[in-house]
Amino acid sequence: MVKQRIGKEMTPNSTRSSLSFKFIGDTINELRRVTWPSRQEAVRLTIMVLTVAIIVGIFLGIVDAIFSTITGWIMGT
């Protein structure tokens, strides 16, 4: 038998379902305590992430082109 924190014994079948409901309840309670960003802050952060992703993509593209050129010179193509 499995014992919960309150010390009450439970059967294996009721343990699984009650733990599932407990998990869902805990998740809902946790989501209520979250401090959600404002719309303005969410838009600002989204633009920042997209900008950084584009800059990193361009940087990696340039590095790839440089290494491809160097590799081409070494291989003689």
C-alpha atoms as a PDB file:
ATOM      1  CA  MET A   1       0.000   0.000   0.000  1.00  0.00           C
ATOM      2  CA  VAL A   2       1.124   3.537  -0.728  1.00  0.00           C
ATOM      3  CA  LYS A   3       0.878   6.197   1.946  1.00  0.00           C
ATOM      4  CA  GLN A   4       0.275   9.826   1.137  1.00  0.00           C
ATOM      5  CA  ARG A   5       1.730  12.668   3.149  1.00  0.00           C
ATOM      6  CA  ILE A   6      -1.288  12.710   5.418  1.00  0.00           C
ATOM      7  CA  GLY A   7      -0.621   9.059   6.311  1.00  0.00           C
ATOM      8  CA  LYS A   8      -3.813   7.626   4.801  1.00  0.00           C
ATOM      9  CA  GLU A   9      -3.384   4.267   3.079  1.00  0.00           C
ATOM     10  CA  MET A  10      -4.619   4.023  -0.500  1.00  0.00           C
ATOM     11  CA  THR A  11      -5.026   1.212  -2.992  1.00  0.00           C
ATOM     12  CA  PRO A  12      -2.725   1.279  -6.060  1.00  0.00           C
ATOM     13  CA  ASN A  13      -5.599   2.139  -8.473  1.00  0.00           C
ATOM     14  CA  SER A  14      -6.914   5.048  -6.428  1.00  0.00           C
ATOM     15  CA  THR A  15      -3.357   6.294  -5.895  1.00  0.00           C
ATOM     16  CA  ARG A  16      -2.732   6.780  -9.607  1.00  0.00           C
ATOM     17  CA  SER A  17      -5.961   8.676 -10.261  1.00  0.00           C
ATOM     18  CA  SER A  18      -5.721  10.807  -7.126  1.00  0.00           C
ATOM     19  CA  LEU A  19      -2.106  11.698  -7.915  1.00  0.00           C
ATOM     20  CA  SER A  20      -3.157  12.714 -11.431  1.00  0.00           C
ATOM     21  CA  PHE A  21      -5.855  15.018 -10.070  1.00  0.00           C
ATOM     22  CA  LYS A  22      -3.444  16.374  -7.468  1.00  0.00           C
ATOM     23  CA  PHE A  23      -0.913  17.126 -10.191  1.00  0.00           C
ATOM     24  CA  ILE A  24      -3.527  18.953 -12.270  1.00  0.00           C
ATOM     25  CA  GLY A  25      -4.680  20.945  -9.239  1.00  0.00           C
ATOM     26  CA  ASP A  26      -1.100  21.843  -8.304  1.00  0.00           C
ATOM     27  CA  THR A  27      -0.434  22.933 -11.891  1.00  0.00           C
ATOM     28  CA  ILE A  28      -3.483  25.203 -11.941  1.00  0.00           C
ATOM     29  CA  ASN A  29      -2.501  26.729  -8.593  1.00  0.00           C
ATOM     30  CA  GLU A  30       1.033  27.336  -9.850  1.00  0.00           C
ATOM     31  CA  LEU A  31      -0.266  29.029 -13.016  1.00  0.00           C
ATOM     32  CA  ARG A  32      -2.382  31.379 -10.892  1.00  0.00           C
ATOM     33  CA  ARG A  33       0.746  32.545  -9.052  1.00  0.00           C
ATOM     34  CA  VAL A  34       2.715  33.292 -12.230  1.00  0.00           C
ATOM     35  CA  THR A  35       3.415  36.945 -12.957  1.00  0.00           C
ATOM     36  CA  TRP A  36       2.534  37.195 -16.637  1.00  0.00           C
ATOM     37  CA  PRO A  37       4.262  39.850 -18.772  1.00  0.00           C
ATOM     38  CA  SER A  38       2.222  42.723 -20.158  1.00  0.00           C
ATOM     39  CA  ARG A  39       1.404  42.758 -23.868  1.00  0.00           C
ATOM     40  CA  GLN A  40       3.939  45.537 -24.441  1.00  0.00           C
ATOM     41  CA  GLU A  41       6.679  43.579 -22.657  1.00  0.00           C
ATOM     42  CA  ALA A  42       5.827  40.379 -24.555  1.00  0.00           C
ATOM     43  CA  VAL A  43       6.024  42.192 -27.907  1.00  0.00           C
ATOM     44  CA  ARG A  44       9.319  43.869 -26.944  1.00  0.00           C
ATOM     45  CA  LEU A  45      10.888  40.581 -25.857  1.00  0.00           C
ATOM     46  CA  THR A  46       9.615  38.773 -28.977  1.00  0.00           C
ATOM     47  CA  ILE A  47      11.202  41.413 -31.211  1.00  0.00           C
ATOM     48  CA  MET A  48      14.429  41.118 -29.218  1.00  0.00           C
ATOM     49  CA  VAL A  49      14.527  37.323 -29.601  1.00  0.00           C
ATOM     50  CA  LEU A  50      13.824  37.506 -33.342  1.00  0.00           C
ATOM     51  CA  THR A  51      16.519  40.167 -33.797  1.00  0.00           C
ATOM     52  CA  VAL A  52      19.129  38.114 -31.947  1.00  0.00           C
ATOM     53  CA  ALA A  53      18.145  34.975 -33.897  1.00  0.00           C
ATOM     54  CA  ILE A  54      18.525  36.803 -37.210  1.00  0.00           C
ATOM     55  CA  ILE A  55      21.898  38.275 -36.203  1.00  0.00           C
ATOM     56  CA  VAL A  56      23.194  34.873 -35.063  1.00  0.00           C
ATOM     57  CA  GLY A  57      21.896  33.282 -38.281  1.00  0.00           C
ATOM     58  CA  ILE A  58      23.699  35.859 -40.418  1.00  0.00           C
ATOM     59  CA  PHE A  59      26.887  35.439 -38.385  1.00  0.00           C
ATOM     60  CA  LEU A  60      26.803  31.644 -38.728  1.00  0.00           C
ATOM     61  CA  GLY A  61      26.093  31.961 -42.469  1.00  0.00           C
ATOM     62  CA  ILE A  62      29.159  34.184 -42.895  1.00  0.00           C
ATOM     63  CA  VAL A  63      31.337  31.799 -40.844  1.00  0.00           C
ATOM     64  CA  ASP A  64      30.048  28.871 -42.923  1.00  0.00           C
ATOM     65  CA  ALA A  65      30.846  30.688 -46.162  1.00  0.00           C
ATOM     66  CA  ILE A  66      34.362  31.475 -44.926  1.00  0.00           C
ATOM     67  CA  PHE A  67      35.022  27.881 -43.904  1.00  0.00           C
ATOM     68  CA  SER A  68      33.579  26.606 -47.195  1.00  0.00           C
ATOM     69  CA  THR A  69      35.923  28.891 -49.122  1.00  0.00           C
ATOM     70  CA  ILE A  70      38.914  27.815 -47.047  1.00  0.00           C
ATOM     71  CA  THR A  71      37.996  24.152 -47.434  1.00  0.00           C
ATOM     72  CA  GLY A  72      37.614  24.684 -51.200  1.00  0.00           C
ATOM     73  CA  TRP A  73      41.080  26.201 -51.409  1.00  0.00           C
ATOM     74  CA  ILE A  74      42.593  23.325 -49.411  1.00  0.00           C
ATOM     75  CA  MET A  75      40.839  20.663 -51.471  1.00  0.00           C
ATOM     76  CA  GLY A  76      41.804  22.416 -54.697  1.00  0.00           C
ATOM     77  CA  THR A  77      38.324  23.001 -56.085  1.00  0.00           C
END
